[in-house]
Amino acid sequence: MDLTRASLDREFPSRLGTVQMNHAAVSPLPARAAAALGEYAALLSARGPLAFPDLEARVRRLREAGALLLGATEELGGASSVSVVPNTTYGLSLVAQGLDWKAGDVVVTTESEFPANLAPWLDLARHGVEVRRVPTRDGAYAAGEILSACDGRTRLVSLSLVAYHTGFVAPAAEVGAFCRARGIAFGLDAIQAAGAIPVDVAALGADFLSADGHKWMLGPEGCGLFFTTPAFRARLRPPSGWLNLRRSHPAQYALGDRPEYVDDAGRFEIGALPMPGVFALDASIRLLLEIGNGTIARRIGAVLSLLEDGLPKTGWEPVLHGQEVRSGILAARPPAGIEAHRAMRHLEANGVACSARAGFLRLSPHVANEPDDAARVLDLLARL
């Protein structure tokens, strides 16, 4: 895609009247994603159920695009290892509810997880499962701290690839290698990573990964991706459903006493899929693939660097982790006497989308942001 200002204005119309610094919450839809929603509506309006082959083809396209974005190679099953799910939590819950837990099993995670990557594991207490939460420093920790929390009873480690509040990038590859060598399942909540930084499930050693599409993947809410390796997928009990049943043909609805489910990632898709989201998310992911990881990282990094340099001059302290790979999130501690929520409301009142999380002001630009946007934010904070 041509990244001139004129082209970006056409693809991201939100640039024309707002400053979008809240992709870590909900992203504005690119024009092609909005058009894809209209395409779905027009297709269904004109063809009704006769459009089903077209809808099924679009699901396949989304799986293929998702596999490319997540680095799900053919050795890992490629598109057949990518499920369409309604949100991040749903995918993680498939693992929590699908494994055969025993009393005394241990799940290791951190104390800074978003609830989506904590509640499913805490709910396993009824099975006698222990959850160990590793302490963090503004979301940061060393791989060794995760490894030290594991022992012979550890069945699973689940981490956020990027911390939702401060943008810390997890040392996932090191943890993944440790888990693989010891037969410990390793999973990632990647909602704050996919679309903003390169994600390679093979290199990270992930058995599973879940991410909704409405943040950095630039899709609508209610449609996300869930990756599982073939070996790990075989260990999960599939959820009860009908769309995921093993059938000889699409119109086979007779069911015996023991349901049998498909082996590929479709085993986790229990019923009708969120088709409007499928159309839009496919369009958005293909836009990201067209632009490329390197360009996305450079554009995000350019804006974040300006914010890092300018925030201290306004009394705000950036939370920096000094990592080689940086996420799209920058958190800042407020000056004395100013609350992050107050700053957020001030920015929002002036057309800047942002968030306050865990006492920090959270700024999260994406590929459509310009250096001018950073200057606008800094100017508004200086006048707070």
Protein backbone atom coordinates (compact mmCIF):
# COMPACT_ATOMS: atom_id res chain seq x y z
CA MET A 1 0.00 0.00 0.00
CA ASP A 2 1.12 3.54 -0.78
CA LEU A 3 1.73 5.23 2.59
CA THR A 4 1.47 8.83 1.45
CA ARG A 5 -0.72 11.03 3.61
CA ALA A 6 -3.41 11.11 0.93
CA SER A 7 -3.53 7.31 0.71
CA LEU A 8 -3.54 6.93 4.49
CA ASP A 9 -6.38 9.45 4.75
CA ARG A 10 -8.44 7.35 2.34
CA GLU A 11 -7.68 4.05 4.07
CA PHE A 12 -7.97 5.43 7.60
CA PRO A 13 -10.67 8.13 7.55
CA SER A 14 -10.41 8.47 11.34
CA ARG A 15 -7.22 10.46 10.65
CA LEU A 16 -9.26 13.30 9.21
CA GLY A 17 -10.88 14.41 12.46
CA THR A 18 -9.26 12.55 15.33
CA VAL A 19 -5.94 11.33 16.71
CA GLN A 20 -6.14 7.59 17.35
CA MET A 21 -3.82 6.59 20.19
CA ASN A 22 -5.94 3.78 21.59
CA HIS A 23 -5.35 0.75 19.40
CA ALA A 24 -4.60 -1.21 22.56
CA ALA A 25 -8.34 -0.84 23.34
CA VAL A 26 -10.37 -0.69 20.12
CA SER A 27 -9.06 0.32 16.72
CA PRO A 28 -10.98 2.37 14.15
CA LEU A 29 -11.81 0.28 11.08
CA PRO A 30 -9.80 0.82 7.92
CA ALA A 31 -11.90 1.75 4.90
CA ARG A 32 -11.43 -1.67 3.31
CA ALA A 33 -12.69 -3.40 6.46
CA ALA A 34 -15.76 -1.17 6.51
CA ALA A 35 -16.28 -1.95 2.82
CA ALA A 36 -16.00 -5.67 3.58
CA LEU A 37 -18.83 -5.34 6.10
CA GLY A 38 -20.91 -3.76 3.36
CA GLU A 39 -19.89 -6.51 0.95
CA TYR A 40 -21.15 -9.15 3.37
CA ALA A 41 -24.46 -7.35 3.87
CA ALA A 42 -24.96 -6.86 0.12
CA LEU A 43 -24.10 -10.49 -0.60
CA LEU A 44 -26.53 -11.81 1.98
CA SER A 45 -29.20 -9.35 0.90
CA ALA A 46 -28.91 -10.33 -2.75
CA ARG A 47 -28.27 -14.08 -2.41
CA GLY A 48 -29.52 -15.19 1.00
CA PRO A 49 -28.49 -18.79 1.77
CA LEU A 50 -27.35 -19.20 -1.83
CA ALA A 51 -24.33 -17.16 -0.72
CA PHE A 52 -23.15 -19.89 1.68
CA PRO A 53 -20.34 -21.10 -0.65
CA ASP A 54 -19.03 -17.53 -0.81
CA LEU A 55 -19.19 -17.26 2.98
CA GLU A 56 -17.31 -20.52 3.44
CA ALA A 57 -14.65 -19.33 1.01
CA ARG A 58 -14.19 -16.14 3.04
CA VAL A 59 -13.69 -18.18 6.22
CA ARG A 60 -10.94 -20.10 4.44
CA ARG A 61 -9.36 -16.82 3.34
CA LEU A 62 -9.36 -15.55 6.91
CA ARG A 63 -7.72 -18.73 8.18
CA GLU A 64 -5.03 -18.41 5.51
CA ALA A 65 -4.40 -14.75 6.30
CA GLY A 66 -4.36 -15.49 10.02
CA ALA A 67 -1.84 -18.30 9.55
CA LEU A 68 0.47 -15.92 7.68
CA LEU A 69 0.13 -13.22 10.34
CA LEU A 70 0.84 -15.64 13.20
CA GLY A 71 3.62 -17.61 11.51
CA ALA A 72 1.62 -20.85 11.49
CA THR A 73 3.67 -22.76 8.94
CA GLU A 74 2.51 -25.85 7.08
CA GLU A 75 4.57 -27.93 9.51
CA LEU A 76 2.26 -26.60 12.23
CA GLY A 77 -0.86 -27.21 10.17
CA GLY A 78 -1.02 -23.82 8.49
CA ALA A 79 -4.55 -22.52 8.03
CA SER A 80 -6.01 -25.77 9.37
CA SER A 81 -4.57 -24.86 12.78
CA VAL A 82 -6.35 -21.49 12.96
CA SER A 83 -9.85 -21.32 14.43
CA VAL A 84 -12.25 -18.40 14.18
CA VAL A 85 -13.35 -17.43 17.70
CA PRO A 86 -15.50 -14.60 19.11
CA ASN A 87 -12.79 -13.22 21.41
CA THR A 88 -9.50 -13.88 23.19
CA THR A 89 -11.17 -15.18 26.33
CA TYR A 90 -13.09 -17.82 24.39
CA GLY A 91 -9.90 -19.29 22.98
CA LEU A 92 -8.13 -19.41 26.34
CA SER A 93 -11.23 -20.93 27.94
CA LEU A 94 -11.19 -23.70 25.32
CA VAL A 95 -7.84 -24.73 26.76
CA ALA A 96 -8.89 -24.32 30.38
CA GLN A 97 -12.02 -26.39 29.85
CA GLY A 98 -10.50 -28.81 27.37
CA LEU A 99 -7.51 -30.25 29.20
CA ASP A 100 -7.82 -33.21 31.55
CA TRP A 101 -6.84 -31.57 34.84
CA LYS A 102 -5.94 -33.36 38.03
CA ALA A 103 -5.82 -32.11 41.61
CA GLY A 104 -2.39 -30.66 42.31
CA ASP A 105 -1.73 -29.48 38.75
CA VAL A 106 -0.15 -26.03 38.47
CA VAL A 107 -0.68 -23.18 36.01
CA VAL A 108 2.00 -20.47 35.92
CA THR A 109 1.26 -16.93 34.78
CA THR A 110 2.01 -13.41 36.05
CA GLU A 111 0.35 -11.05 38.47
CA SER A 112 -0.13 -8.46 35.71
CA GLU A 113 -2.37 -10.44 33.37
CA PHE A 114 -5.53 -9.00 31.90
CA PRO A 115 -8.52 -10.94 33.31
CA ALA A 116 -8.96 -12.81 30.01
CA ASN A 117 -5.72 -14.66 30.75
CA LEU A 118 -6.38 -15.18 34.43
CA ALA A 119 -10.05 -15.97 35.12
CA PRO A 120 -10.08 -19.20 33.02
CA TRP A 121 -7.19 -20.58 35.06
CA LEU A 122 -8.49 -19.40 38.44
CA ASP A 123 -11.78 -21.14 37.70
CA LEU A 124 -9.88 -24.42 37.70
CA ALA A 125 -9.65 -24.27 41.49
CA ARG A 126 -12.71 -26.51 41.56
CA HIS A 127 -10.48 -29.23 40.06
CA GLY A 128 -7.76 -28.62 42.64
CA VAL A 129 -5.54 -26.70 40.21
CA GLU A 130 -3.12 -24.14 41.66
CA VAL A 131 -2.39 -20.87 39.83
CA ARG A 132 1.01 -19.28 40.50
CA ARG A 133 1.25 -15.59 39.65
CA VAL A 134 4.80 -14.36 39.18
CA PRO A 135 5.37 -10.80 40.47
CA THR A 136 6.21 -8.12 37.91
CA ARG A 137 7.66 -4.62 37.87
CA ASP A 138 5.35 -2.42 35.83
CA GLY A 139 4.46 -5.58 33.93
CA ALA A 140 8.11 -6.59 33.38
CA TYR A 141 9.87 -9.75 34.49
CA ALA A 142 12.75 -11.98 33.46
CA ALA A 143 12.29 -15.38 31.84
CA GLY A 144 14.08 -16.96 34.77
CA GLU A 145 11.35 -15.81 37.12
CA ILE A 146 8.78 -17.77 35.13
CA LEU A 147 11.06 -20.78 34.91
CA SER A 148 11.69 -20.73 38.67
CA ALA A 149 7.95 -20.81 39.32
CA CYS A 150 7.65 -24.10 37.42
CA ASP A 151 8.16 -27.51 38.96
CA GLY A 152 7.20 -31.11 38.37
CA ARG A 153 3.51 -30.34 38.91
CA THR A 154 3.36 -27.54 36.32
CA ARG A 155 1.04 -28.46 33.45
CA LEU A 156 0.74 -25.14 31.69
CA VAL A 157 2.28 -21.67 31.37
CA SER A 158 0.17 -18.89 29.88
CA LEU A 159 1.50 -15.37 29.32
CA SER A 160 0.46 -12.16 27.64
CA LEU A 161 2.84 -11.69 24.72
CA VAL A 162 2.54 -7.95 25.39
CA ALA A 163 1.44 -6.52 28.76
CA TYR A 164 -1.83 -4.67 28.31
CA HIS A 165 -0.97 -1.76 30.63
CA THR A 166 2.72 -1.02 29.98
CA GLY A 167 3.62 -2.76 26.73
CA PHE A 168 6.28 -5.10 28.13
CA VAL A 169 7.09 -7.80 25.57
CA ALA A 170 7.28 -11.24 27.20
CA PRO A 171 10.45 -13.34 26.83
CA ALA A 172 8.22 -15.89 25.15
CA ALA A 173 10.78 -17.76 23.05
CA GLU A 174 12.93 -18.60 26.09
CA VAL A 175 9.92 -19.66 28.13
CA GLY A 176 8.52 -21.63 25.19
CA ALA A 177 11.75 -23.57 24.74
CA PHE A 178 11.86 -24.37 28.47
CA CYS A 179 8.27 -25.61 28.41
CA ARG A 180 8.75 -27.68 25.28
CA ALA A 181 11.76 -29.47 26.78
CA ARG A 182 9.73 -30.40 29.86
CA GLY A 183 6.39 -31.27 28.30
CA ILE A 184 4.66 -28.22 29.77
CA ALA A 185 1.94 -26.67 27.63
CA PHE A 186 2.75 -23.09 26.65
CA GLY A 187 0.23 -20.52 25.51
CA LEU A 188 -0.04 -16.83 24.70
CA ASP A 189 -2.65 -14.13 24.96
CA ALA A 190 -1.54 -12.21 21.87
CA ILE A 191 -4.27 -9.59 21.57
CA GLN A 192 -1.78 -6.78 22.31
CA ALA A 193 0.80 -8.16 19.90
CA ALA A 194 -0.72 -9.56 16.69
CA GLY A 195 -0.75 -6.82 14.10
CA ALA A 196 1.68 -4.55 15.95
CA ILE A 197 4.81 -6.69 16.32
CA PRO A 198 5.95 -9.82 14.45
CA VAL A 199 4.36 -12.96 15.87
CA ASP A 200 5.86 -16.35 15.00
CA VAL A 201 4.22 -19.21 16.86
CA ALA A 202 6.91 -21.63 15.69
CA ALA A 203 9.80 -19.51 16.94
CA LEU A 204 7.97 -18.76 20.18
CA GLY A 205 7.24 -22.42 20.83
CA ALA A 206 3.56 -21.77 21.47
CA ASP A 207 1.16 -24.69 21.76
CA PHE A 208 -1.76 -22.28 21.60
CA LEU A 209 -2.41 -18.59 21.05
CA SER A 210 -5.57 -16.52 21.24
CA ALA A 211 -6.24 -12.98 20.03
CA ASP A 212 -9.36 -10.99 19.23
CA GLY A 213 -9.14 -8.87 16.12
CA HIS A 214 -10.40 -5.49 17.31
CA LYS A 215 -7.10 -4.05 18.53
CA TRP A 216 -3.89 -4.19 16.51
CA MET A 217 -5.35 -6.42 13.79
CA LEU A 218 -7.69 -3.51 12.95
CA GLY A 219 -10.83 -5.66 12.81
CA PRO A 220 -14.24 -5.33 14.45
CA GLU A 221 -15.08 -6.64 17.89
CA GLY A 222 -16.40 -10.19 18.12
CA CYS A 223 -14.08 -11.99 15.70
CA GLY A 224 -10.63 -13.30 16.53
CA LEU A 225 -8.11 -16.07 15.92
CA PHE A 226 -7.18 -19.12 18.00
CA PHE A 227 -4.10 -21.11 17.02
CA THR A 228 -3.31 -24.63 18.22
CA THR A 229 -0.60 -27.03 17.14
CA PRO A 230 -1.97 -30.36 15.85
CA ALA A 231 -0.41 -32.24 18.78
CA PHE A 232 -1.84 -29.91 21.41
CA ARG A 233 -5.22 -29.75 19.69
CA ALA A 234 -5.49 -33.54 19.97
CA ARG A 235 -5.17 -33.20 23.77
CA LEU A 236 -8.11 -30.81 24.09
CA ARG A 237 -11.64 -32.02 24.63
CA PRO A 238 -13.72 -30.23 21.97
CA PRO A 239 -16.69 -28.14 23.09
CA SER A 240 -20.13 -29.56 22.39
CA GLY A 241 -21.55 -28.23 19.15
CA TRP A 242 -22.89 -29.12 15.73
CA LEU A 243 -20.72 -27.26 13.22
CA ASN A 244 -17.63 -29.02 14.54
CA LEU A 245 -19.10 -32.50 14.18
CA ARG A 246 -17.46 -34.99 11.85
CA ARG A 247 -19.88 -35.32 8.91
CA SER A 248 -19.75 -37.09 5.56
CA HIS A 249 -21.51 -34.15 3.89
CA PRO A 250 -22.73 -30.70 5.04
CA ALA A 251 -26.37 -31.72 5.29
CA GLN A 252 -25.74 -34.72 7.54
CA TYR A 253 -27.47 -33.92 10.82
CA ALA A 254 -28.18 -37.41 12.20
CA LEU A 255 -26.28 -37.89 15.43
CA GLY A 256 -25.48 -41.13 17.20
CA ASP A 257 -24.95 -41.68 20.91
CA ARG A 258 -21.34 -40.46 20.86
CA PRO A 259 -20.60 -37.31 18.88
CA GLU A 260 -17.37 -37.32 16.89
CA TYR A 261 -15.61 -34.07 16.10
CA VAL A 262 -13.29 -32.94 13.32
CA ASP A 263 -9.55 -32.97 13.92
CA ASP A 264 -8.56 -29.60 12.48
CA ALA A 265 -9.11 -26.19 14.07
CA GLY A 266 -12.77 -26.37 13.11
CA ARG A 267 -13.27 -28.61 16.16
CA PHE A 268 -13.51 -25.43 18.26
CA GLU A 269 -16.12 -23.71 16.08
CA ILE A 270 -19.32 -25.01 17.62
CA GLY A 271 -21.92 -23.14 15.54
CA ALA A 272 -22.53 -20.21 13.23
CA LEU A 273 -19.44 -18.03 12.85
CA PRO A 274 -19.41 -14.21 13.16
CA MET A 275 -19.54 -13.73 9.39
CA PRO A 276 -19.56 -9.91 9.29
CA GLY A 277 -16.39 -10.00 11.39
CA VAL A 278 -14.88 -12.69 9.18
CA PHE A 279 -15.23 -10.45 6.12
CA ALA A 280 -13.85 -7.37 7.88
CA LEU A 281 -11.01 -9.07 9.75
CA ASP A 282 -9.83 -10.82 6.60
CA ALA A 283 -9.64 -7.44 4.86
CA SER A 284 -7.77 -5.83 7.76
CA ILE A 285 -5.23 -8.62 8.17
CA ARG A 286 -4.50 -8.61 4.46
CA LEU A 287 -3.92 -4.86 4.71
CA LEU A 288 -1.37 -5.45 7.49
CA LEU A 289 0.33 -8.19 5.48
CA GLU A 290 0.47 -5.87 2.48
CA ILE A 291 2.14 -3.12 4.52
CA GLY A 292 4.53 -5.54 6.24
CA ASN A 293 5.86 -5.97 9.77
CA GLY A 294 8.93 -3.85 9.20
CA THR A 295 7.05 -0.81 7.96
CA ILE A 296 4.47 -1.11 10.73
CA ALA A 297 7.20 -1.31 13.39
CA ARG A 298 9.05 1.69 11.96
CA ARG A 299 5.98 3.89 11.84
CA ILE A 300 4.84 2.95 15.34
CA GLY A 301 8.38 3.37 16.67
CA ALA A 302 8.76 6.83 15.14
CA VAL A 303 5.68 8.11 16.97
CA LEU A 304 6.58 6.42 20.24
CA SER A 305 10.12 7.85 20.15
CA LEU A 306 8.75 11.38 19.91
CA LEU A 307 6.41 10.70 22.81
CA GLU A 308 9.24 9.23 24.91
CA ASP A 309 11.37 12.31 24.31
CA GLY A 310 8.59 14.81 24.92
CA LEU A 311 6.65 13.37 27.83
CA PRO A 312 9.28 14.16 30.52
CA LYS A 313 9.20 17.82 29.44
CA THR A 314 5.51 17.88 30.41
CA GLY A 315 6.11 16.15 33.75
CA TRP A 316 5.12 12.66 32.62
CA GLU A 317 7.45 9.70 33.14
CA PRO A 318 7.47 7.11 30.33
CA VAL A 319 7.61 3.49 31.45
CA LEU A 320 10.48 2.09 29.40
CA HIS A 321 11.62 -1.52 29.34
CA GLY A 322 14.73 -1.18 27.16
CA GLN A 323 13.78 -4.13 24.97
CA GLU A 324 15.08 -4.85 21.48
CA VAL A 325 11.57 -5.60 20.27
CA ARG A 326 9.15 -2.94 21.42
CA SER A 327 5.40 -3.13 21.42
CA GLY A 328 2.97 -0.47 20.27
CA ILE A 329 2.10 0.57 23.83
CA LEU A 330 3.69 3.40 25.78
CA ALA A 331 2.61 3.97 29.37
CA ALA A 332 3.43 7.12 31.34
CA ARG A 333 3.23 7.97 35.04
CA PRO A 334 1.43 11.24 35.69
CA PRO A 335 2.98 14.26 37.39
CA ALA A 336 2.13 14.88 41.04
CA GLY A 337 -1.43 16.07 41.45
CA ILE A 338 -2.71 14.76 38.11
CA GLU A 339 -4.60 11.51 37.67
CA ALA A 340 -4.27 9.48 34.49
CA HIS A 341 -8.06 9.40 34.05
CA ARG A 342 -8.20 13.18 34.17
CA ALA A 343 -5.57 13.39 31.44
CA MET A 344 -7.45 10.81 29.40
CA ARG A 345 -10.67 12.81 29.59
CA HIS A 346 -8.80 15.98 28.63
CA LEU A 347 -7.28 14.31 25.58
CA GLU A 348 -10.56 12.70 24.55
CA ALA A 349 -12.36 16.05 24.82
CA ASN A 350 -9.84 17.33 22.29
CA GLY A 351 -10.24 14.48 19.82
CA VAL A 352 -7.44 12.18 21.00
CA ALA A 353 -8.38 8.56 21.73
CA CYS A 354 -6.32 7.08 24.57
CA SER A 355 -6.69 5.06 27.77
CA ALA A 356 -5.87 5.11 31.46
CA ARG A 357 -4.76 1.74 32.79
CA ALA A 358 -3.39 0.79 36.23
CA GLY A 359 -2.68 4.42 37.08
CA PHE A 360 -0.82 5.08 33.81
CA LEU A 361 -1.79 7.07 30.76
CA ARG A 362 -1.59 4.56 27.92
CA LEU A 363 -0.82 5.70 24.38
CA SER A 364 -0.92 3.16 21.57
CA PRO A 365 -0.40 4.43 18.00
CA HIS A 366 -0.48 2.24 14.90
CA VAL A 367 0.64 2.40 11.31
CA ALA A 368 -1.73 5.24 10.39
CA ASN A 369 -0.34 7.64 13.00
CA GLU A 370 2.04 10.45 12.12
CA PRO A 371 4.69 12.39 14.10
CA ASP A 372 2.20 15.27 14.09
CA ASP A 373 -0.04 13.15 16.32
CA ALA A 374 2.67 12.87 18.96
CA ALA A 375 3.14 16.63 18.86
CA ARG A 376 -0.60 17.12 19.35
CA VAL A 377 -0.67 14.83 22.39
CA LEU A 378 2.34 16.54 23.97
CA ASP A 379 0.85 19.97 23.42
CA LEU A 380 -2.43 18.98 25.07
CA LEU A 381 -0.66 17.42 28.05
CA ALA A 382 1.44 20.56 28.50
CA ARG A 383 -1.78 22.59 28.76
CA LEU A 384 -3.46 20.20 31.24
